[in-house]
Amino acid sequence: MLEFNELFDQWAPVYDQTVFNRDNEYNEVFENYDLLLKEICQQIRDKKIGLTLEIGVGTGNLSKELLKEGFSVIGIEPSDEMRRLAKEKLPNLAILDGHFLSIPIIEKFDSIVTSYAFHHLTYTEKRDSLKYLDGFLKKNGKIIIADTMFESEEYKSNLLKYVAESKAHNLLNDLNTEYYEYTEEILRLFDELDYTYTIKKMNKYVWMIIAEK
């Protein structure tokens, strides 16, 4: 999972341009981005008086929304450059060096959230990370994962064809080389941990899983 750190250090200065500039090949991946961030806040609103852990803070866009909504947040981010930019944007946010399988604090959280980051783990690492994170979650706590996933083999095939025809070469390479899963495979991991969950489609690429312990 740390194999992507160098890439994200390089991407950090222009990451927000990729997210918010609608004129690039990742446009549809980040469609409804602001609504997605607000939806994450809405889904954990019942945990607002507690403590939220965000993994994969990036440049701090979700953290910014959480803080604006009045949540108490601790952030985790493995990229030095992403952490630096997030601290510039949100100087009062506690951001620690870590990742999905290395949380450098002893704490229990009411909610754990992550967006556009879970796909950096292999499937085995995803299973291990959810088991690991379960130990940081309070009873009746929630885990929210928002990320690109495929709803079926047919959908994946058609989507890859669409991306190829759109000549979105970088996006196509990402979809073919990073660890994007089928929705049912992620839900199976939550079944193994006896979580209840709901799932929402946020755009052509991204789904949100809301799982409760």
N, C-alpha and C. Protein backbone atom coordinates (compact mmCIF):
# COMPACT_ATOMS: atom_id res chain seq x y z
N MET A 1 0.82 -1.21 0.00
CA MET A 1 0.00 0.00 0.00
C MET A 1 0.85 1.26 0.00
N LEU A 2 2.09 1.18 0.59
CA LEU A 2 2.95 2.35 0.62
C LEU A 2 3.65 2.59 -0.71
N GLU A 3 3.43 1.67 -1.66
CA GLU A 3 4.03 1.83 -2.99
C GLU A 3 3.54 3.10 -3.68
N PHE A 4 2.39 3.64 -3.24
CA PHE A 4 1.81 4.81 -3.89
C PHE A 4 2.27 6.13 -3.26
N ASN A 5 3.08 6.08 -2.19
CA ASN A 5 3.45 7.31 -1.51
C ASN A 5 4.21 8.29 -2.40
N GLU A 6 5.16 7.77 -3.17
CA GLU A 6 5.93 8.65 -4.05
C GLU A 6 5.02 9.31 -5.07
N LEU A 7 4.08 8.53 -5.61
CA LEU A 7 3.12 9.07 -6.57
C LEU A 7 2.32 10.20 -5.95
N PHE A 8 1.86 10.00 -4.72
CA PHE A 8 1.03 11.02 -4.09
C PHE A 8 1.84 12.23 -3.65
N ASP A 9 3.09 12.04 -3.31
CA ASP A 9 3.95 13.19 -3.04
C ASP A 9 4.06 14.07 -4.28
N GLN A 10 4.15 13.43 -5.45
CA GLN A 10 4.25 14.17 -6.71
C GLN A 10 2.91 14.79 -7.10
N TRP A 11 1.82 14.08 -6.81
CA TRP A 11 0.49 14.54 -7.20
C TRP A 11 -0.05 15.64 -6.29
N ALA A 12 0.47 15.70 -5.07
CA ALA A 12 -0.08 16.58 -4.04
C ALA A 12 -0.28 18.03 -4.50
N PRO A 13 0.71 18.68 -5.14
CA PRO A 13 0.54 20.10 -5.49
C PRO A 13 -0.63 20.37 -6.44
N VAL A 14 -1.01 19.38 -7.26
CA VAL A 14 -2.09 19.61 -8.23
C VAL A 14 -3.31 18.74 -7.94
N TYR A 15 -3.32 18.08 -6.78
CA TYR A 15 -4.42 17.16 -6.49
C TYR A 15 -5.77 17.86 -6.49
N ASP A 16 -5.84 19.02 -5.84
CA ASP A 16 -7.13 19.73 -5.78
C ASP A 16 -7.57 20.21 -7.15
N GLN A 17 -6.63 20.51 -8.02
CA GLN A 17 -7.00 20.87 -9.39
C GLN A 17 -7.67 19.68 -10.08
N THR A 18 -7.12 18.49 -9.86
CA THR A 18 -7.72 17.28 -10.44
C THR A 18 -9.13 17.06 -9.91
N VAL A 19 -9.31 17.29 -8.63
CA VAL A 19 -10.60 17.04 -7.99
C VAL A 19 -11.65 18.07 -8.42
N PHE A 20 -11.29 19.34 -8.40
CA PHE A 20 -12.28 20.40 -8.57
C PHE A 20 -12.36 20.96 -9.99
N ASN A 21 -11.32 20.77 -10.79
CA ASN A 21 -11.36 21.22 -12.18
C ASN A 21 -12.14 20.20 -13.01
N ARG A 22 -13.23 20.63 -13.57
CA ARG A 22 -14.11 19.70 -14.28
C ARG A 22 -13.63 19.37 -15.69
N ASP A 23 -12.50 19.96 -16.10
CA ASP A 23 -12.01 19.76 -17.45
C ASP A 23 -10.76 18.88 -17.46
N ASN A 24 -10.92 17.63 -17.03
CA ASN A 24 -9.82 16.67 -17.10
C ASN A 24 -10.41 15.26 -17.16
N GLU A 25 -9.56 14.27 -17.40
CA GLU A 25 -10.07 12.92 -17.65
C GLU A 25 -10.62 12.24 -16.40
N TYR A 26 -10.38 12.82 -15.22
CA TYR A 26 -10.94 12.28 -13.98
C TYR A 26 -12.25 12.97 -13.59
N ASN A 27 -12.76 13.77 -14.49
CA ASN A 27 -13.96 14.56 -14.22
C ASN A 27 -15.10 13.72 -13.64
N GLU A 28 -15.42 12.60 -14.28
CA GLU A 28 -16.56 11.80 -13.84
C GLU A 28 -16.26 11.01 -12.58
N VAL A 29 -14.98 10.73 -12.31
CA VAL A 29 -14.62 10.03 -11.08
C VAL A 29 -14.96 10.91 -9.87
N PHE A 30 -14.79 12.22 -10.03
CA PHE A 30 -15.05 13.16 -8.94
C PHE A 30 -16.38 13.90 -9.10
N GLU A 31 -17.24 13.39 -9.97
CA GLU A 31 -18.57 13.97 -10.11
C GLU A 31 -19.32 13.88 -8.78
N ASN A 32 -20.03 14.94 -8.43
CA ASN A 32 -20.78 15.01 -7.16
C ASN A 32 -19.85 14.96 -5.94
N TYR A 33 -18.61 15.40 -6.11
CA TYR A 33 -17.62 15.31 -5.02
C TYR A 33 -18.08 16.06 -3.77
N ASP A 34 -18.52 17.29 -3.94
CA ASP A 34 -18.98 18.06 -2.77
C ASP A 34 -20.16 17.38 -2.08
N LEU A 35 -21.07 16.83 -2.87
CA LEU A 35 -22.21 16.12 -2.30
C LEU A 35 -21.76 14.86 -1.57
N LEU A 36 -20.74 14.20 -2.11
CA LEU A 36 -20.21 12.99 -1.47
C LEU A 36 -19.65 13.32 -0.09
N LEU A 37 -18.88 14.39 0.01
CA LEU A 37 -18.32 14.78 1.30
C LEU A 37 -19.42 15.10 2.30
N LYS A 38 -20.43 15.81 1.84
CA LYS A 38 -21.56 16.15 2.72
C LYS A 38 -22.34 14.90 3.13
N GLU A 39 -22.43 13.93 2.21
CA GLU A 39 -23.15 12.69 2.52
C GLU A 39 -22.42 11.89 3.59
N ILE A 40 -21.10 11.88 3.54
CA ILE A 40 -20.34 11.19 4.58
C ILE A 40 -20.65 11.82 5.94
N CYS A 41 -20.64 13.14 5.99
CA CYS A 41 -20.97 13.83 7.24
C CYS A 41 -22.38 13.46 7.71
N GLN A 42 -23.30 13.42 6.79
CA GLN A 42 -24.69 13.10 7.12
C GLN A 42 -24.80 11.68 7.68
N GLN A 43 -24.06 10.76 7.10
CA GLN A 43 -24.16 9.36 7.51
C GLN A 43 -23.60 9.10 8.90
N ILE A 44 -22.72 9.99 9.39
CA ILE A 44 -22.17 9.80 10.74
C ILE A 44 -22.65 10.88 11.70
N ARG A 45 -23.68 11.59 11.31
CA ARG A 45 -24.16 12.70 12.14
C ARG A 45 -24.53 12.23 13.55
N ASP A 46 -25.02 11.00 13.67
CA ASP A 46 -25.39 10.49 14.99
C ASP A 46 -24.16 10.23 15.87
N LYS A 47 -22.96 10.30 15.28
CA LYS A 47 -21.72 10.10 16.04
C LYS A 47 -20.98 11.43 16.28
N LYS A 48 -21.65 12.52 16.02
CA LYS A 48 -21.01 13.83 16.00
C LYS A 48 -20.39 14.21 17.35
N ILE A 49 -21.00 13.78 18.43
CA ILE A 49 -20.47 14.16 19.73
C ILE A 49 -19.26 13.33 20.11
N GLY A 50 -18.92 12.33 19.31
CA GLY A 50 -17.77 11.48 19.57
C GLY A 50 -16.54 11.92 18.78
N LEU A 51 -15.70 10.94 18.45
CA LEU A 51 -14.44 11.20 17.76
C LEU A 51 -14.41 10.44 16.44
N THR A 52 -14.02 11.13 15.37
CA THR A 52 -13.95 10.54 14.03
C THR A 52 -12.51 10.40 13.59
N LEU A 53 -12.18 9.25 13.01
CA LEU A 53 -10.88 9.01 12.41
C LEU A 53 -11.04 9.04 10.90
N GLU A 54 -10.25 9.88 10.23
CA GLU A 54 -10.23 9.85 8.77
C GLU A 54 -8.90 9.28 8.30
N ILE A 55 -8.97 8.26 7.45
CA ILE A 55 -7.77 7.63 6.91
C ILE A 55 -7.62 8.04 5.45
N GLY A 56 -6.42 8.51 5.10
CA GLY A 56 -6.19 8.99 3.74
C GLY A 56 -6.70 10.41 3.58
N VAL A 57 -6.24 11.30 4.44
CA VAL A 57 -6.72 12.68 4.47
C VAL A 57 -6.45 13.40 3.15
N GLY A 58 -5.34 13.05 2.48
CA GLY A 58 -4.97 13.76 1.27
C GLY A 58 -4.73 15.23 1.56
N THR A 59 -5.31 16.13 0.78
CA THR A 59 -5.13 17.56 1.01
C THR A 59 -6.15 18.13 1.98
N GLY A 60 -6.98 17.29 2.56
CA GLY A 60 -7.85 17.73 3.65
C GLY A 60 -9.25 18.14 3.28
N ASN A 61 -9.74 17.73 2.11
CA ASN A 61 -11.07 18.19 1.69
C ASN A 61 -12.20 17.62 2.55
N LEU A 62 -12.16 16.32 2.83
CA LEU A 62 -13.18 15.74 3.70
C LEU A 62 -13.01 16.25 5.13
N SER A 63 -11.78 16.32 5.58
CA SER A 63 -11.53 16.83 6.94
C SER A 63 -12.10 18.24 7.10
N LYS A 64 -11.91 19.06 6.09
CA LYS A 64 -12.43 20.44 6.14
C LYS A 64 -13.94 20.45 6.31
N GLU A 65 -14.63 19.56 5.59
CA GLU A 65 -16.08 19.49 5.70
C GLU A 65 -16.50 18.96 7.07
N LEU A 66 -15.79 17.97 7.57
CA LEU A 66 -16.10 17.42 8.89
C LEU A 66 -15.94 18.48 9.98
N LEU A 67 -14.84 19.20 9.92
CA LEU A 67 -14.60 20.25 10.92
C LEU A 67 -15.64 21.35 10.82
N LYS A 68 -16.00 21.72 9.59
CA LYS A 68 -17.02 22.75 9.40
C LYS A 68 -18.35 22.32 9.99
N GLU A 69 -18.62 21.00 9.94
CA GLU A 69 -19.87 20.48 10.48
C GLU A 69 -19.82 20.24 11.99
N GLY A 70 -18.65 20.49 12.61
CA GLY A 70 -18.55 20.40 14.06
C GLY A 70 -18.06 19.07 14.60
N PHE A 71 -17.50 18.20 13.74
CA PHE A 71 -16.97 16.92 14.20
C PHE A 71 -15.58 17.11 14.82
N SER A 72 -15.26 16.24 15.77
CA SER A 72 -13.90 16.14 16.29
C SER A 72 -13.17 15.08 15.47
N VAL A 73 -12.05 15.48 14.83
CA VAL A 73 -11.42 14.63 13.82
C VAL A 73 -9.93 14.44 14.10
N ILE A 74 -9.46 13.22 13.94
CA ILE A 74 -8.03 12.91 13.85
C ILE A 74 -7.78 12.32 12.47
N GLY A 75 -6.79 12.85 11.77
CA GLY A 75 -6.51 12.40 10.42
C GLY A 75 -5.26 11.53 10.34
N ILE A 76 -5.27 10.60 9.39
CA ILE A 76 -4.13 9.73 9.11
C ILE A 76 -3.78 9.89 7.63
N GLU A 77 -2.51 10.13 7.32
CA GLU A 77 -2.09 10.30 5.93
C GLU A 77 -0.62 9.88 5.78
N PRO A 78 -0.33 8.91 4.89
CA PRO A 78 1.04 8.43 4.74
C PRO A 78 1.94 9.31 3.89
N SER A 79 1.38 10.16 3.03
CA SER A 79 2.18 11.00 2.14
C SER A 79 2.64 12.27 2.84
N ASP A 80 3.95 12.50 2.85
CA ASP A 80 4.49 13.69 3.50
C ASP A 80 3.93 14.97 2.89
N GLU A 81 3.88 15.01 1.56
CA GLU A 81 3.43 16.22 0.88
C GLU A 81 1.93 16.47 1.09
N MET A 82 1.16 15.39 1.05
CA MET A 82 -0.28 15.54 1.31
C MET A 82 -0.50 16.06 2.73
N ARG A 83 0.23 15.51 3.69
CA ARG A 83 0.10 15.97 5.08
C ARG A 83 0.46 17.45 5.20
N ARG A 84 1.52 17.84 4.52
CA ARG A 84 1.97 19.24 4.58
C ARG A 84 0.88 20.18 4.04
N LEU A 85 0.32 19.83 2.89
CA LEU A 85 -0.70 20.68 2.28
C LEU A 85 -1.98 20.71 3.13
N ALA A 86 -2.33 19.57 3.70
CA ALA A 86 -3.52 19.53 4.55
C ALA A 86 -3.33 20.39 5.80
N LYS A 87 -2.12 20.38 6.36
CA LYS A 87 -1.86 21.21 7.55
C LYS A 87 -1.89 22.68 7.20
N GLU A 88 -1.44 23.03 5.97
CA GLU A 88 -1.54 24.43 5.54
C GLU A 88 -3.00 24.86 5.43
N LYS A 89 -3.82 23.96 4.93
CA LYS A 89 -5.24 24.25 4.75
C LYS A 89 -5.99 24.24 6.08
N LEU A 90 -5.59 23.29 6.96
CA LEU A 90 -6.31 23.09 8.22
C LEU A 90 -5.30 23.01 9.37
N PRO A 91 -4.75 24.15 9.80
CA PRO A 91 -3.69 24.13 10.81
C PRO A 91 -4.12 23.55 12.15
N ASN A 92 -5.40 23.53 12.43
CA ASN A 92 -5.87 23.00 13.72
C ASN A 92 -6.21 21.52 13.69
N LEU A 93 -6.06 20.90 12.52
CA LEU A 93 -6.37 19.47 12.40
C LEU A 93 -5.16 18.63 12.82
N ALA A 94 -5.40 17.65 13.67
CA ALA A 94 -4.35 16.70 14.04
C ALA A 94 -4.21 15.67 12.91
N ILE A 95 -3.06 15.64 12.23
CA ILE A 95 -2.82 14.71 11.13
C ILE A 95 -1.57 13.91 11.46
N LEU A 96 -1.72 12.60 11.50
CA LEU A 96 -0.62 11.72 11.87
C LEU A 96 -0.14 10.91 10.68
N ASP A 97 1.13 10.54 10.71
CA ASP A 97 1.71 9.68 9.68
C ASP A 97 1.29 8.24 9.98
N GLY A 98 0.56 7.63 9.04
CA GLY A 98 0.11 6.26 9.23
C GLY A 98 -0.68 5.82 8.02
N HIS A 99 -1.32 4.67 8.13
CA HIS A 99 -2.14 4.17 7.02
C HIS A 99 -3.16 3.18 7.56
N PHE A 100 -3.84 2.48 6.67
CA PHE A 100 -4.94 1.61 7.06
C PHE A 100 -4.53 0.50 8.02
N LEU A 101 -3.27 0.13 8.01
CA LEU A 101 -2.80 -0.95 8.88
C LEU A 101 -1.79 -0.45 9.90
N SER A 102 -1.73 0.87 10.07
CA SER A 102 -0.82 1.44 11.06
C SER A 102 -1.42 2.74 11.59
N ILE A 103 -2.18 2.64 12.68
CA ILE A 103 -2.79 3.79 13.32
C ILE A 103 -1.96 4.09 14.57
N PRO A 104 -1.19 5.19 14.57
CA PRO A 104 -0.19 5.41 15.63
C PRO A 104 -0.74 6.04 16.90
N ILE A 105 -1.94 5.66 17.28
CA ILE A 105 -2.51 6.15 18.54
C ILE A 105 -3.34 5.03 19.17
N ILE A 106 -3.51 5.14 20.46
CA ILE A 106 -4.38 4.19 21.17
C ILE A 106 -5.65 4.95 21.52
N GLU A 107 -6.69 4.69 20.77
CA GLU A 107 -7.94 5.43 20.93
C GLU A 107 -9.08 4.61 20.37
N LYS A 108 -10.28 4.86 20.85
CA LYS A 108 -11.48 4.25 20.29
C LYS A 108 -12.28 5.36 19.60
N PHE A 109 -12.82 5.05 18.42
CA PHE A 109 -13.51 6.05 17.63
C PHE A 109 -14.98 5.70 17.46
N ASP A 110 -15.78 6.74 17.33
CA ASP A 110 -17.20 6.56 17.07
C ASP A 110 -17.47 6.34 15.59
N SER A 111 -16.57 6.84 14.75
CA SER A 111 -16.70 6.63 13.31
C SER A 111 -15.32 6.67 12.67
N ILE A 112 -15.17 5.88 11.60
CA ILE A 112 -13.95 5.85 10.80
C ILE A 112 -14.36 6.06 9.35
N VAL A 113 -13.77 7.04 8.71
CA VAL A 113 -14.17 7.39 7.35
C VAL A 113 -12.97 7.42 6.42
N THR A 114 -13.22 7.14 5.15
CA THR A 114 -12.16 7.24 4.15
C THR A 114 -12.79 7.45 2.78
N SER A 115 -12.15 8.27 1.97
CA SER A 115 -12.65 8.53 0.62
C SER A 115 -11.51 8.47 -0.39
N TYR A 116 -11.75 7.78 -1.50
CA TYR A 116 -10.80 7.69 -2.61
C TYR A 116 -9.43 7.17 -2.16
N ALA A 117 -9.41 6.21 -1.25
CA ALA A 117 -8.14 5.71 -0.74
C ALA A 117 -8.09 4.19 -0.55
N PHE A 118 -9.24 3.56 -0.31
CA PHE A 118 -9.25 2.14 0.05
C PHE A 118 -8.70 1.27 -1.08
N HIS A 119 -8.78 1.75 -2.32
CA HIS A 119 -8.32 0.94 -3.46
C HIS A 119 -6.80 0.81 -3.52
N HIS A 120 -6.08 1.51 -2.66
CA HIS A 120 -4.63 1.36 -2.64
C HIS A 120 -4.20 0.08 -1.92
N LEU A 121 -5.14 -0.61 -1.30
CA LEU A 121 -4.86 -1.87 -0.62
C LEU A 121 -5.21 -3.05 -1.53
N THR A 122 -4.40 -4.09 -1.47
CA THR A 122 -4.78 -5.34 -2.11
C THR A 122 -6.00 -5.91 -1.39
N TYR A 123 -6.63 -6.90 -1.97
CA TYR A 123 -7.82 -7.47 -1.31
C TYR A 123 -7.47 -8.06 0.06
N THR A 124 -6.32 -8.73 0.15
CA THR A 124 -5.89 -9.29 1.43
C THR A 124 -5.65 -8.18 2.44
N GLU A 125 -5.03 -7.08 1.98
CA GLU A 125 -4.80 -5.95 2.87
C GLU A 125 -6.12 -5.30 3.28
N LYS A 126 -7.08 -5.27 2.39
CA LYS A 126 -8.40 -4.73 2.75
C LYS A 126 -9.02 -5.55 3.87
N ARG A 127 -8.96 -6.87 3.74
CA ARG A 127 -9.51 -7.74 4.79
C ARG A 127 -8.77 -7.50 6.11
N ASP A 128 -7.45 -7.47 6.04
CA ASP A 128 -6.65 -7.27 7.25
C ASP A 128 -6.93 -5.90 7.87
N SER A 129 -7.09 -4.89 7.03
CA SER A 129 -7.30 -3.54 7.55
C SER A 129 -8.65 -3.42 8.26
N LEU A 130 -9.70 -4.03 7.71
CA LEU A 130 -11.00 -3.94 8.36
C LEU A 130 -11.00 -4.68 9.70
N LYS A 131 -10.31 -5.79 9.76
CA LYS A 131 -10.17 -6.49 11.05
C LYS A 131 -9.41 -5.61 12.04
N TYR A 132 -8.35 -4.98 11.55
CA TYR A 132 -7.53 -4.09 12.39
C TYR A 132 -8.33 -2.88 12.85
N LEU A 133 -9.03 -2.24 11.93
CA LEU A 133 -9.79 -1.04 12.27
C LEU A 133 -10.96 -1.35 13.19
N ASP A 134 -11.49 -2.56 13.10
CA ASP A 134 -12.57 -2.97 13.99
C ASP A 134 -12.16 -2.80 15.46
N GLY A 135 -10.88 -3.01 15.73
CA GLY A 135 -10.39 -2.87 17.09
C GLY A 135 -10.33 -1.43 17.58
N PHE A 136 -10.45 -0.47 16.66
CA PHE A 136 -10.43 0.94 17.02
C PHE A 136 -11.82 1.54 17.11
N LEU A 137 -12.83 0.74 16.80
CA LEU A 137 -14.19 1.27 16.71
C LEU A 137 -14.99 0.92 17.96
N LYS A 138 -15.71 1.92 18.47
CA LYS A 138 -16.58 1.68 19.61
C LYS A 138 -17.79 0.84 19.19
N LYS A 139 -18.44 0.25 20.16
CA LYS A 139 -19.67 -0.49 19.90
C LYS A 139 -20.68 0.45 19.23
N ASN A 140 -21.34 -0.06 18.22
CA ASN A 140 -22.30 0.71 17.41
C ASN A 140 -21.64 1.81 16.58
N GLY A 141 -20.32 1.75 16.46
CA GLY A 141 -19.61 2.71 15.62
C GLY A 141 -19.83 2.42 14.15
N LYS A 142 -19.43 3.37 13.30
CA LYS A 142 -19.63 3.24 11.85
C LYS A 142 -18.31 3.37 11.10
N ILE A 143 -18.21 2.61 10.03
CA ILE A 143 -17.14 2.76 9.06
C ILE A 143 -17.77 3.18 7.74
N ILE A 144 -17.25 4.26 7.15
CA ILE A 144 -17.73 4.74 5.86
C ILE A 144 -16.59 4.65 4.86
N ILE A 145 -16.82 3.94 3.76
CA ILE A 145 -15.84 3.84 2.68
C ILE A 145 -16.48 4.37 1.40
N ALA A 146 -15.87 5.40 0.82
CA ALA A 146 -16.31 5.92 -0.48
C ALA A 146 -15.15 5.75 -1.45
N ASP A 147 -15.39 4.99 -2.51
CA ASP A 147 -14.29 4.71 -3.44
C ASP A 147 -14.85 4.11 -4.72
N THR A 148 -14.02 4.08 -5.74
CA THR A 148 -14.39 3.41 -6.98
C THR A 148 -14.51 1.92 -6.75
N MET A 149 -15.62 1.35 -7.18
CA MET A 149 -15.87 -0.10 -7.12
C MET A 149 -16.68 -0.48 -8.34
N PHE A 150 -16.69 -1.76 -8.65
CA PHE A 150 -17.44 -2.26 -9.80
C PHE A 150 -18.62 -3.09 -9.30
N GLU A 151 -19.80 -2.84 -9.86
CA GLU A 151 -20.98 -3.56 -9.39
C GLU A 151 -21.16 -4.93 -10.02
N SER A 152 -20.45 -5.19 -11.12
CA SER A 152 -20.52 -6.50 -11.78
C SER A 152 -19.40 -6.59 -12.80
N GLU A 153 -19.12 -7.80 -13.27
CA GLU A 153 -18.12 -7.98 -14.32
C GLU A 153 -18.53 -7.27 -15.60
N GLU A 154 -19.82 -7.33 -15.91
CA GLU A 154 -20.32 -6.67 -17.12
C GLU A 154 -20.16 -5.16 -17.00
N TYR A 155 -20.49 -4.61 -15.84
CA TYR A 155 -20.35 -3.17 -15.65
C TYR A 155 -18.90 -2.75 -15.78
N LYS A 156 -18.00 -3.51 -15.18
CA LYS A 156 -16.57 -3.20 -15.26
C LYS A 156 -16.10 -3.23 -16.72
N SER A 157 -16.47 -4.25 -17.43
CA SER A 157 -16.07 -4.38 -18.83
C SER A 157 -16.57 -3.20 -19.67
N ASN A 158 -17.83 -2.83 -19.48
CA ASN A 158 -18.40 -1.71 -20.23
C ASN A 158 -17.75 -0.38 -19.84
N LEU A 159 -17.44 -0.24 -18.55
CA LEU A 159 -16.83 1.00 -18.09
C LEU A 159 -15.41 1.15 -18.65
N LEU A 160 -14.65 0.07 -18.63
CA LEU A 160 -13.29 0.12 -19.17
C LEU A 160 -13.32 0.43 -20.67
N LYS A 161 -14.29 -0.13 -21.36
CA LYS A 161 -14.45 0.15 -22.78
C LYS A 161 -14.77 1.63 -23.00
N TYR A 162 -15.66 2.15 -22.17
CA TYR A 162 -16.05 3.57 -22.25
C TYR A 162 -14.84 4.48 -22.00
N VAL A 163 -14.04 4.15 -20.99
CA VAL A 163 -12.87 4.96 -20.67
C VAL A 163 -11.85 4.92 -21.80
N ALA A 164 -11.66 3.72 -22.37
CA ALA A 164 -10.73 3.58 -23.49
C ALA A 164 -11.18 4.40 -24.68
N GLU A 165 -12.45 4.35 -24.99
CA GLU A 165 -12.99 5.11 -26.12
C GLU A 165 -12.93 6.61 -25.88
N SER A 166 -12.93 7.00 -24.59
CA SER A 166 -12.82 8.41 -24.24
C SER A 166 -11.37 8.89 -24.27
N LYS A 167 -10.45 7.95 -24.53
CA LYS A 167 -9.00 8.25 -24.57
C LYS A 167 -8.49 8.84 -23.27
N ALA A 168 -9.09 8.40 -22.17
CA ALA A 168 -8.63 8.80 -20.84
C ALA A 168 -7.55 7.81 -20.40
N HIS A 169 -6.36 7.97 -20.96
CA HIS A 169 -5.33 6.94 -20.82
C HIS A 169 -4.84 6.77 -19.38
N ASN A 170 -4.67 7.87 -18.67
CA ASN A 170 -4.21 7.76 -17.27
C ASN A 170 -5.25 7.07 -16.40
N LEU A 171 -6.51 7.44 -16.59
CA LEU A 171 -7.59 6.82 -15.83
C LEU A 171 -7.68 5.33 -16.16
N LEU A 172 -7.57 5.01 -17.43
CA LEU A 172 -7.64 3.60 -17.84
C LEU A 172 -6.50 2.81 -17.20
N ASN A 173 -5.32 3.39 -17.16
CA ASN A 173 -4.19 2.71 -16.52
C ASN A 173 -4.47 2.49 -15.04
N ASP A 174 -5.01 3.52 -14.37
CA ASP A 174 -5.35 3.38 -12.95
C ASP A 174 -6.34 2.24 -12.72
N LEU A 175 -7.39 2.21 -13.53
CA LEU A 175 -8.44 1.21 -13.35
C LEU A 175 -7.92 -0.20 -13.60
N ASN A 176 -6.90 -0.31 -14.43
CA ASN A 176 -6.35 -1.63 -14.76
C ASN A 176 -5.24 -2.08 -13.82
N THR A 177 -4.64 -1.15 -13.10
CA THR A 177 -3.46 -1.51 -12.31
C THR A 177 -3.65 -1.38 -10.80
N GLU A 178 -4.56 -0.51 -10.35
CA GLU A 178 -4.78 -0.39 -8.91
C GLU A 178 -5.83 -1.41 -8.46
N TYR A 179 -6.07 -1.46 -7.15
CA TYR A 179 -6.79 -2.59 -6.57
C TYR A 179 -8.27 -2.29 -6.35
N TYR A 180 -8.95 -1.98 -7.43
CA TYR A 180 -10.39 -1.74 -7.36
C TYR A 180 -11.13 -3.07 -7.30
N GLU A 181 -12.13 -3.15 -6.43
CA GLU A 181 -12.84 -4.41 -6.21
C GLU A 181 -14.29 -4.31 -6.69
N TYR A 182 -14.95 -5.45 -6.71
CA TYR A 182 -16.40 -5.49 -6.91
C TYR A 182 -17.08 -5.17 -5.57
N THR A 183 -18.20 -4.50 -5.64
CA THR A 183 -18.90 -4.13 -4.41
C THR A 183 -19.18 -5.34 -3.52
N GLU A 184 -19.57 -6.46 -4.14
CA GLU A 184 -19.92 -7.64 -3.33
C GLU A 184 -18.71 -8.16 -2.57
N GLU A 185 -17.51 -7.95 -3.12
CA GLU A 185 -16.31 -8.43 -2.43
C GLU A 185 -16.04 -7.62 -1.16
N ILE A 186 -16.27 -6.31 -1.22
CA ILE A 186 -16.09 -5.48 -0.03
C ILE A 186 -17.18 -5.78 1.00
N LEU A 187 -18.40 -5.93 0.53
CA LEU A 187 -19.50 -6.25 1.45
C LEU A 187 -19.28 -7.59 2.14
N ARG A 188 -18.67 -8.53 1.44
CA ARG A 188 -18.37 -9.83 2.04
C ARG A 188 -17.43 -9.68 3.24
N LEU A 189 -16.49 -8.74 3.14
CA LEU A 189 -15.57 -8.51 4.26
C LEU A 189 -16.32 -8.00 5.48
N PHE A 190 -17.31 -7.16 5.26
CA PHE A 190 -18.12 -6.69 6.39
C PHE A 190 -19.01 -7.80 6.93
N ASP A 191 -19.48 -8.69 6.06
CA ASP A 191 -20.24 -9.86 6.53
C ASP A 191 -19.39 -10.70 7.47
N GLU A 192 -18.12 -10.87 7.13
CA GLU A 192 -17.23 -11.68 7.96
C GLU A 192 -17.07 -11.09 9.36
N LEU A 193 -17.23 -9.78 9.48
CA LEU A 193 -17.08 -9.10 10.77
C LEU A 193 -18.42 -8.83 11.45
N ASP A 194 -19.51 -9.37 10.85
CA ASP A 194 -20.86 -9.23 11.42
C ASP A 194 -21.32 -7.78 11.51
N TYR A 195 -20.97 -6.98 10.51
CA TYR A 195 -21.48 -5.62 10.42
C TYR A 195 -22.78 -5.61 9.63
N THR A 196 -23.63 -4.66 9.94
CA THR A 196 -24.76 -4.36 9.06
C THR A 196 -24.34 -3.20 8.17
N TYR A 197 -24.93 -3.09 6.99
CA TYR A 197 -24.45 -2.05 6.07
C TYR A 197 -25.52 -1.69 5.05
N THR A 198 -25.31 -0.50 4.49
CA THR A 198 -26.06 -0.07 3.31
C THR A 198 -25.03 0.42 2.30
N ILE A 199 -25.44 0.52 1.04
CA ILE A 199 -24.52 0.93 -0.01
C ILE A 199 -25.24 1.88 -0.96
N LYS A 200 -24.54 2.96 -1.36
CA LYS A 200 -25.13 3.96 -2.23
C LYS A 200 -24.18 4.24 -3.40
N LYS A 201 -24.75 4.37 -4.58
CA LYS A 201 -23.96 4.75 -5.74
C LYS A 201 -23.92 6.26 -5.83
N MET A 202 -22.68 6.83 -5.89
CA MET A 202 -22.51 8.27 -5.87
C MET A 202 -22.28 8.86 -7.26
N ASN A 203 -21.68 8.08 -8.15
CA ASN A 203 -21.53 8.46 -9.55
C ASN A 203 -21.19 7.21 -10.36
N LYS A 204 -20.78 7.39 -11.58
CA LYS A 204 -20.53 6.25 -12.47
C LYS A 204 -19.45 5.31 -11.93
N TYR A 205 -18.56 5.84 -11.09
CA TYR A 205 -17.43 5.07 -10.58
C TYR A 205 -17.52 4.75 -9.09
N VAL A 206 -18.01 5.70 -8.33
CA VAL A 206 -17.83 5.66 -6.88
C VAL A 206 -19.09 5.20 -6.15
N TRP A 207 -18.86 4.30 -5.19
CA TRP A 207 -19.91 3.84 -4.27
C TRP A 207 -19.54 4.22 -2.86
N MET A 208 -20.54 4.34 -2.02
CA MET A 208 -20.33 4.58 -0.59
C MET A 208 -20.93 3.43 0.21
N ILE A 209 -20.10 2.83 1.05
CA ILE A 209 -20.55 1.77 1.95
C ILE A 209 -20.61 2.33 3.36
N ILE A 210 -21.75 2.20 4.00
CA ILE A 210 -21.96 2.66 5.37
C ILE A 210 -22.18 1.42 6.22
N ALA A 211 -21.20 1.09 7.02
CA ALA A 211 -21.22 -0.16 7.82
C ALA A 211 -21.24 0.17 9.31
N GLU A 212 -22.07 -0.55 10.04
CA GLU A 212 -22.21 -0.29 11.47
C GLU A 212 -21.88 -1.55 12.26
N LYS A 213 -21.11 -1.34 13.33
CA LYS A 213 -20.66 -2.44 14.17
C LYS A 213 -21.79 -2.92 15.09
